[in-house]
């Protein structure tokens, strides 16, 4: 068995444990303005506070001060990651032995190549979203590093084929229309075809920038240069080139349970091949959908949604049945807790408590 060293598990557990955010008297609820602020930063993650303030009808100082409160309390954050134009990605269903769920979940969250970890109901216990350099490395990593963890009973891997929508495309939809008009920029299709081999990898000089912006996607150029060990001018030039070449993705995320989105559901579905692209693109436009990706296996389309409670499941499924008559839902899995999302460690309320920089598995 491959075990995660005790000191690593202890370190990850400390970061994943919920700190007392309220020890400074902070209010840990989202106001309507807070939600609109998140919406604004989802539309323009690195826009200057003056532009964000205009979109919200407040001054720049107010927008910056409110964001700092949300960020400091782990309620919302801006992150960045490699756009992975030709990534090898998979979704691994993990079944655990009794009483091993917590330790396995913590170990998975500490693996830099496992970018998201969700604890689930149903016929598997954990869903790990992973990336590797190629298919052989993916197989060795899943079977050796995950399958070898003490407490893991079995794994099943669904290889990502085409990504139609991911969390960075999702919007809170809390701003007024005028605010959206202030921040909106023409958006290209988010459709990404995954690869059996990762052809594009960050240049060595850009990895430190990705890591620094992964921790805080709104770092100014001075702080970014300091964090990456380069000059402010070099940081500005490199980041602008990465943005121009679409080598980096920014996204604003939030503690969704505190925003009233308490229920996360993963649907394993199937659709005839001739309809899969149209269905995937249409699903990506639904406001509830966080993830729509075609995968290997008979259930060829995974769909993840954020809903406002268990009571919202049946109406959403009725909407699916009406809009997508060719879509067959094989299974629904309700997540109990998202322990890690795109590198961010989360507590039981969904607040960010730490960050694990991404790196490919060394196998």
Protein backbone atom coordinates (compact mmCIF):
# COMPACT_ATOMS: atom_id res chain seq x y z
CA UNK A 1 0.00 0.00 0.00
CA UNK A 2 1.08 3.57 -0.72
CA UNK A 3 0.44 5.76 2.28
CA UNK A 4 0.61 9.52 2.57
CA UNK A 5 3.22 10.41 5.21
CA UNK A 6 1.72 11.29 8.56
CA UNK A 7 3.17 14.79 8.56
CA UNK A 8 1.57 15.52 5.14
CA UNK A 9 -1.83 14.29 6.28
CA UNK A 10 -1.47 16.37 9.43
CA UNK A 11 -0.53 19.45 7.40
CA UNK A 12 -3.46 19.03 5.01
CA UNK A 13 -5.85 18.39 7.89
CA UNK A 14 -4.73 21.59 9.58
CA UNK A 15 -5.37 23.57 6.37
CA UNK A 16 -8.70 21.85 5.72
CA UNK A 17 -9.97 22.32 9.27
CA UNK A 18 -12.32 25.26 9.63
CA UNK A 19 -10.52 28.19 11.28
CA UNK A 20 -12.52 30.49 13.50
CA UNK A 21 -13.27 33.19 10.93
CA UNK A 22 -15.56 34.87 13.42
CA UNK A 23 -12.92 35.64 16.02
CA UNK A 24 -12.71 39.21 14.70
CA UNK A 25 -16.47 39.66 14.74
CA UNK A 26 -16.72 39.17 10.98
CA UNK A 27 -20.12 38.62 9.42
CA UNK A 28 -19.98 35.35 7.50
CA UNK A 29 -23.16 35.87 5.52
CA UNK A 30 -23.37 37.14 1.96
CA UNK A 31 -25.26 40.37 1.46
CA UNK A 32 -26.90 41.17 -1.87
CA UNK A 33 -24.02 43.52 -2.64
CA UNK A 34 -21.53 40.77 -1.80
CA UNK A 35 -23.19 38.41 -4.27
CA UNK A 36 -23.22 41.12 -6.92
CA UNK A 37 -19.53 41.71 -6.23
CA UNK A 38 -18.80 38.01 -6.77
CA UNK A 39 -20.83 38.15 -9.99
CA UNK A 40 -18.80 41.15 -11.16
CA UNK A 41 -15.51 39.40 -10.50
CA UNK A 42 -16.74 36.28 -12.25
CA UNK A 43 -17.26 38.46 -15.32
CA UNK A 44 -13.96 40.33 -14.96
CA UNK A 45 -11.68 38.70 -12.34
CA UNK A 46 -8.82 41.22 -12.64
CA UNK A 47 -10.74 44.38 -13.49
CA UNK A 48 -9.65 47.48 -11.51
CA UNK A 49 -11.80 48.38 -8.52
CA UNK A 50 -12.92 51.58 -10.23
CA UNK A 51 -14.53 49.53 -13.02
CA UNK A 52 -15.99 46.99 -10.59
CA UNK A 53 -17.40 49.83 -8.48
CA UNK A 54 -19.07 51.47 -11.49
CA UNK A 55 -20.73 48.18 -12.42
CA UNK A 56 -22.12 47.85 -8.88
CA UNK A 57 -23.02 51.50 -8.32
CA UNK A 58 -20.53 51.93 -5.45
CA UNK A 59 -17.15 53.62 -5.14
CA UNK A 60 -13.92 51.71 -5.71
CA UNK A 61 -12.95 51.83 -2.02
CA UNK A 62 -16.21 50.18 -0.96
CA UNK A 63 -15.84 47.43 -3.58
CA UNK A 64 -12.23 46.75 -2.53
CA UNK A 65 -13.07 46.76 1.18
CA UNK A 66 -15.99 44.34 0.76
CA UNK A 67 -13.87 42.02 -1.36
CA UNK A 68 -11.10 41.96 1.21
CA UNK A 69 -13.63 40.93 3.89
CA UNK A 70 -14.94 38.11 1.71
CA UNK A 71 -11.44 36.97 0.78
CA UNK A 72 -10.10 37.12 4.35
CA UNK A 73 -13.03 35.05 5.62
CA UNK A 74 -12.58 32.45 2.89
CA UNK A 75 -16.02 33.22 1.51
CA UNK A 76 -14.86 34.09 -2.01
CA UNK A 77 -11.61 34.03 -3.92
CA UNK A 78 -10.10 34.63 -7.33
CA UNK A 79 -7.76 31.94 -8.57
CA UNK A 80 -5.86 31.17 -11.76
CA UNK A 81 -4.68 27.99 -13.42
CA UNK A 82 -3.09 26.69 -16.58
CA UNK A 83 -5.61 26.77 -19.42
CA UNK A 84 -4.38 23.27 -20.38
CA UNK A 85 -5.19 23.48 -24.06
CA UNK A 86 -4.42 19.80 -24.48
CA UNK A 87 -4.80 18.34 -20.99
CA UNK A 88 -5.29 14.70 -20.05
CA UNK A 89 -8.11 14.83 -17.50
CA UNK A 90 -10.18 12.16 -15.77
CA UNK A 91 -12.87 11.80 -13.13
CA UNK A 92 -12.11 9.01 -10.69
CA UNK A 93 -14.80 7.38 -8.58
CA UNK A 94 -13.24 6.08 -5.36
CA UNK A 95 -14.78 3.51 -3.03
CA UNK A 96 -13.41 3.42 0.51
CA UNK A 97 -13.34 0.92 3.32
CA UNK A 98 -15.58 1.68 6.34
CA UNK A 99 -14.24 4.52 8.47
CA UNK A 100 -11.50 5.34 5.92
CA UNK A 101 -13.38 8.10 4.06
CA UNK A 102 -11.90 10.99 6.04
CA UNK A 103 -8.28 9.88 5.76
CA UNK A 104 -8.56 9.04 2.05
CA UNK A 105 -10.31 12.34 1.33
CA UNK A 106 -7.56 14.27 3.12
CA UNK A 107 -4.85 12.34 1.29
CA UNK A 108 -6.46 13.03 -2.09
CA UNK A 109 -6.80 16.73 -1.28
CA UNK A 110 -3.07 16.87 -0.62
CA UNK A 111 -2.14 15.48 -4.05
CA UNK A 112 -1.20 18.42 -6.35
CA UNK A 113 -2.45 16.67 -9.51
CA UNK A 114 -5.89 16.01 -7.96
CA UNK A 115 -7.50 19.39 -8.51
CA UNK A 116 -10.94 18.70 -6.97
CA UNK A 117 -12.25 16.25 -4.35
CA UNK A 118 -15.93 15.72 -3.52
CA UNK A 119 -17.46 13.42 -0.89
CA UNK A 120 -20.52 11.70 -2.32
CA UNK A 121 -23.59 9.61 -1.67
CA UNK A 122 -24.46 6.61 -3.81
CA UNK A 123 -22.34 3.74 -5.08
CA UNK A 124 -19.00 5.52 -4.67
CA UNK A 125 -17.63 7.60 -1.80
CA UNK A 126 -15.36 10.19 -3.43
CA UNK A 127 -15.01 11.83 -6.81
CA UNK A 128 -11.48 12.96 -7.61
CA UNK A 129 -10.91 15.21 -10.64
CA UNK A 130 -7.35 14.61 -11.85
CA UNK A 131 -4.88 15.60 -14.56
CA UNK A 132 -1.76 13.89 -15.90
CA UNK A 133 0.77 14.27 -18.70
CA UNK A 134 -0.60 11.39 -20.77
CA UNK A 135 -2.67 8.22 -20.56
CA UNK A 136 0.09 5.94 -19.22
CA UNK A 137 0.92 8.47 -16.48
CA UNK A 138 -2.79 8.79 -15.69
CA UNK A 139 -3.12 5.03 -15.33
CA UNK A 140 -0.05 4.72 -13.10
CA UNK A 141 -1.18 7.63 -10.95
CA UNK A 142 -4.76 6.44 -10.47
CA UNK A 143 -3.92 2.79 -9.87
CA UNK A 144 -0.72 3.37 -7.92
CA UNK A 145 -1.09 6.65 -6.03
CA UNK A 146 -4.87 6.62 -5.47
CA UNK A 147 -5.56 2.89 -5.60
CA UNK A 148 -2.60 2.27 -3.31
CA UNK A 149 -3.85 4.52 -0.52
CA UNK A 150 -4.63 2.71 2.71
CA UNK A 151 -8.42 2.50 2.92
CA UNK A 152 -9.22 2.54 -0.81
CA UNK A 153 -11.27 -0.46 -1.93
CA UNK A 154 -11.56 0.30 -5.66
CA UNK A 155 -11.46 3.01 -8.30
CA UNK A 156 -13.23 3.60 -11.59
CA UNK A 157 -11.91 6.13 -14.09
CA UNK A 158 -13.91 8.12 -16.63
CA UNK A 159 -11.62 9.82 -19.11
CA UNK A 160 -12.57 13.38 -20.03
CA UNK A 161 -13.11 13.82 -23.78
CA UNK A 162 -14.77 17.19 -24.46
CA UNK A 163 -15.38 19.93 -21.90
CA UNK A 164 -18.42 22.09 -22.65
CA UNK A 165 -18.63 24.01 -19.38
CA UNK A 166 -16.68 24.24 -16.13
CA UNK A 167 -16.87 26.20 -12.91
CA UNK A 168 -15.17 29.25 -14.38
CA UNK A 169 -18.09 29.68 -16.78
CA UNK A 170 -20.74 29.65 -14.04
CA UNK A 171 -22.24 32.98 -12.94
CA UNK A 172 -23.94 34.10 -9.72
CA UNK A 173 -26.36 36.28 -11.75
CA UNK A 174 -26.72 38.83 -8.96
CA UNK A 175 -25.77 42.06 -10.80
CA UNK A 176 -28.17 44.43 -12.45
CA UNK A 177 -28.19 44.29 -16.29
CA UNK A 178 -26.36 47.61 -16.49
CA UNK A 179 -23.54 46.15 -14.42
CA UNK A 180 -23.19 43.23 -16.79
CA UNK A 181 -23.04 45.65 -19.70
CA UNK A 182 -20.22 47.55 -17.96
CA UNK A 183 -18.09 44.42 -17.50
CA UNK A 184 -19.06 42.14 -20.33
CA UNK A 185 -16.52 41.29 -22.98
CA UNK A 186 -17.07 39.07 -26.00
CA UNK A 187 -16.72 35.45 -24.90
CA UNK A 188 -15.37 32.70 -27.06
CA UNK A 189 -16.61 29.13 -26.81
CA UNK A 190 -15.34 27.29 -23.74
CA UNK A 191 -15.44 23.98 -25.55
CA UNK A 192 -12.17 22.17 -24.92
CA UNK A 193 -11.19 18.85 -26.44
CA UNK A 194 -9.03 16.92 -24.00
CA UNK A 195 -6.02 14.96 -25.20
CA UNK A 196 -4.31 11.61 -24.67
CA UNK A 197 -1.09 13.59 -24.27
CA UNK A 198 -0.51 17.03 -22.74
CA UNK A 199 1.31 18.82 -25.56
CA UNK A 200 1.15 22.27 -23.99
CA UNK A 201 2.83 22.83 -20.63
CA UNK A 202 3.64 26.10 -18.87
CA UNK A 203 7.07 27.50 -19.63
CA UNK A 204 9.40 27.31 -16.61
CA UNK A 205 9.30 31.09 -16.19
CA UNK A 206 5.51 31.08 -16.07
CA UNK A 207 5.05 28.39 -13.42
CA UNK A 208 5.84 30.76 -10.55
CA UNK A 209 3.30 33.23 -11.95
CA UNK A 210 0.65 30.51 -12.13
CA UNK A 211 1.38 29.43 -8.57
CA UNK A 212 1.23 32.98 -7.19
CA UNK A 213 -2.01 33.80 -9.03
CA UNK A 214 -3.42 30.44 -7.98
CA UNK A 215 -3.23 31.68 -4.40
CA UNK A 216 -4.57 35.15 -5.24
CA UNK A 217 -5.69 35.83 -8.80
CA UNK A 218 -5.95 39.59 -8.17
CA UNK A 219 -2.31 40.17 -7.19
CA UNK A 220 -1.01 43.44 -8.57
CA UNK A 221 2.08 43.36 -10.76
CA UNK A 222 4.40 44.53 -7.98
CA UNK A 223 3.28 41.79 -5.59
CA UNK A 224 3.15 39.26 -8.43
CA UNK A 225 6.75 40.01 -9.37
CA UNK A 226 7.85 39.68 -5.75
CA UNK A 227 6.01 36.38 -5.33
CA UNK A 228 7.43 34.98 -8.59
CA UNK A 229 10.96 36.27 -7.99
CA UNK A 230 10.97 38.57 -11.02
CA UNK A 231 10.67 42.31 -11.67
CA UNK A 232 7.32 44.08 -11.88
CA UNK A 233 7.96 44.82 -15.56
CA UNK A 234 8.72 41.17 -16.33
CA UNK A 235 5.66 40.01 -14.38
CA UNK A 236 3.44 42.40 -16.34
CA UNK A 237 4.90 41.38 -19.70
CA UNK A 238 4.70 37.65 -19.04
CA UNK A 239 1.18 37.72 -17.64
CA UNK A 240 -0.14 39.88 -20.48
CA UNK A 241 1.38 37.43 -22.95
CA UNK A 242 -0.18 34.46 -21.10
CA UNK A 243 -3.58 36.18 -21.21
CA UNK A 244 -3.18 37.06 -24.88
CA UNK A 245 -2.20 33.49 -25.78
CA UNK A 246 -4.97 32.08 -23.57
CA UNK A 247 -2.46 30.11 -21.53
CA UNK A 248 -4.08 31.08 -18.22
CA UNK A 249 -7.63 30.91 -16.89
CA UNK A 250 -8.98 33.14 -14.10
CA UNK A 251 -12.06 32.42 -12.09
CA UNK A 252 -13.89 33.81 -9.07
CA UNK A 253 -15.44 31.23 -6.77
CA UNK A 254 -17.40 31.36 -3.53
CA UNK A 255 -18.56 29.34 -0.53
CA UNK A 256 -21.74 28.20 -2.25
CA UNK A 257 -23.57 26.84 0.85
CA UNK A 258 -23.36 30.32 2.42
CA UNK A 259 -24.89 31.76 -0.76
CA UNK A 260 -27.96 29.52 -0.52
CA UNK A 261 -26.73 26.91 -3.01
CA UNK A 262 -26.67 24.02 -0.57
CA UNK A 263 -27.09 21.08 -2.94
CA UNK A 264 -24.53 19.83 -5.45
CA UNK A 265 -25.65 17.01 -7.74
CA UNK A 266 -23.67 15.01 -10.27
CA UNK A 267 -25.64 13.31 -13.03
CA UNK A 268 -24.24 10.41 -15.01
CA UNK A 269 -26.11 10.55 -18.28
CA UNK A 270 -26.03 9.14 -21.79
CA UNK A 271 -26.96 10.71 -25.09
CA UNK A 272 -26.67 9.40 -28.68
CA UNK A 273 -23.36 10.38 -30.25
CA UNK A 274 -25.08 12.44 -32.93
CA UNK A 275 -26.65 14.64 -30.21
CA UNK A 276 -23.79 14.88 -27.73
CA UNK A 277 -22.22 18.14 -28.94
CA UNK A 278 -25.53 19.98 -29.22
CA UNK A 279 -26.64 18.67 -25.84
CA UNK A 280 -23.36 19.58 -24.18
CA UNK A 281 -23.42 23.12 -25.55
CA UNK A 282 -27.06 23.61 -24.52
CA UNK A 283 -26.41 22.28 -21.01
CA UNK A 284 -23.51 24.72 -20.68
CA UNK A 285 -25.98 27.60 -21.07
CA UNK A 286 -28.21 26.48 -18.17
CA UNK A 287 -27.76 28.63 -15.07
CA UNK A 288 -27.61 25.64 -12.70
CA UNK A 289 -24.87 23.79 -14.59
CA UNK A 290 -21.31 23.95 -13.25
CA UNK A 291 -19.83 21.14 -15.31
CA UNK A 292 -20.78 19.48 -18.59
CA UNK A 293 -18.19 17.10 -20.02
CA UNK A 294 -18.29 14.09 -22.30
CA UNK A 295 -16.46 11.09 -20.89
CA UNK A 296 -15.54 7.53 -21.70
CA UNK A 297 -17.97 4.74 -20.87
CA UNK A 298 -21.62 4.00 -21.54
CA UNK A 299 -22.65 7.04 -19.47
CA UNK A 300 -20.97 9.42 -21.86
CA UNK A 301 -21.90 12.81 -20.37
CA UNK A 302 -21.29 14.06 -16.82
CA UNK A 303 -23.34 17.03 -15.63
CA UNK A 304 -22.79 18.78 -12.28
CA UNK A 305 -25.26 21.35 -10.96
CA UNK A 306 -25.62 23.69 -7.98
CA UNK A 307 -29.16 23.86 -6.60
CA UNK A 308 -30.88 25.69 -3.74
CA UNK A 309 -31.84 22.52 -1.87
CA UNK A 310 -32.98 18.94 -2.25
CA UNK A 311 -36.43 20.27 -3.11
CA UNK A 312 -34.97 21.70 -6.34
CA UNK A 313 -33.82 18.34 -7.71
CA UNK A 314 -37.16 17.12 -9.08
CA UNK A 315 -38.00 20.41 -10.87
CA UNK A 316 -34.52 20.51 -12.39
CA UNK A 317 -34.82 16.94 -13.63
CA UNK A 318 -38.24 17.71 -15.08
CA UNK A 319 -36.61 20.59 -16.96
CA UNK A 320 -33.91 18.23 -18.25
CA UNK A 321 -36.52 15.76 -19.47
CA UNK A 322 -38.46 18.47 -21.26
CA UNK A 323 -35.49 20.20 -22.90
CA UNK A 324 -33.39 17.14 -23.71
CA UNK A 325 -35.60 14.21 -24.76
CA UNK A 326 -32.52 12.30 -26.02
CA UNK A 327 -30.76 12.57 -22.65
CA UNK A 328 -31.05 9.56 -20.35
CA UNK A 329 -30.15 10.06 -16.68
CA UNK A 330 -28.56 6.85 -15.41
CA UNK A 331 -27.70 8.01 -11.90
CA UNK A 332 -27.73 11.03 -9.61
CA UNK A 333 -25.14 11.54 -6.90
CA UNK A 334 -25.59 14.20 -4.22
CA UNK A 335 -22.33 15.53 -2.81
CA UNK A 336 -22.02 15.73 0.95
CA UNK A 337 -18.96 17.99 1.02
CA UNK A 338 -16.53 19.49 -1.45
CA UNK A 339 -13.14 19.15 0.25
CA UNK A 340 -11.13 20.68 -2.60
CA UNK A 341 -12.14 22.73 -5.63
CA UNK A 342 -9.64 23.66 -8.33
CA UNK A 343 -6.78 23.56 -5.83
CA UNK A 344 -8.60 25.31 -2.96
CA UNK A 345 -9.05 23.40 0.31
CA UNK A 346 -12.56 23.96 1.69
CA UNK A 347 -14.16 23.55 5.10
CA UNK A 348 -17.61 22.12 5.83
CA UNK A 349 -19.27 25.46 5.01
CA UNK A 350 -17.47 25.77 1.68
CA UNK A 351 -15.02 28.44 2.82
CA UNK A 352 -11.45 28.36 1.52
CA UNK A 353 -8.84 27.40 4.11
CA UNK A 354 -5.77 26.81 1.96
CA UNK A 355 -4.36 26.26 -1.50
CA UNK A 356 -2.45 23.32 -3.00
CA UNK A 357 -0.51 24.44 -6.11
CA UNK A 358 -1.10 22.20 -9.12
CA UNK A 359 1.64 19.98 -10.50
CA UNK A 360 1.62 16.83 -12.63
CA UNK A 361 2.05 13.45 -10.91
CA UNK A 362 5.61 12.17 -10.71
CA UNK A 363 5.25 8.53 -11.74
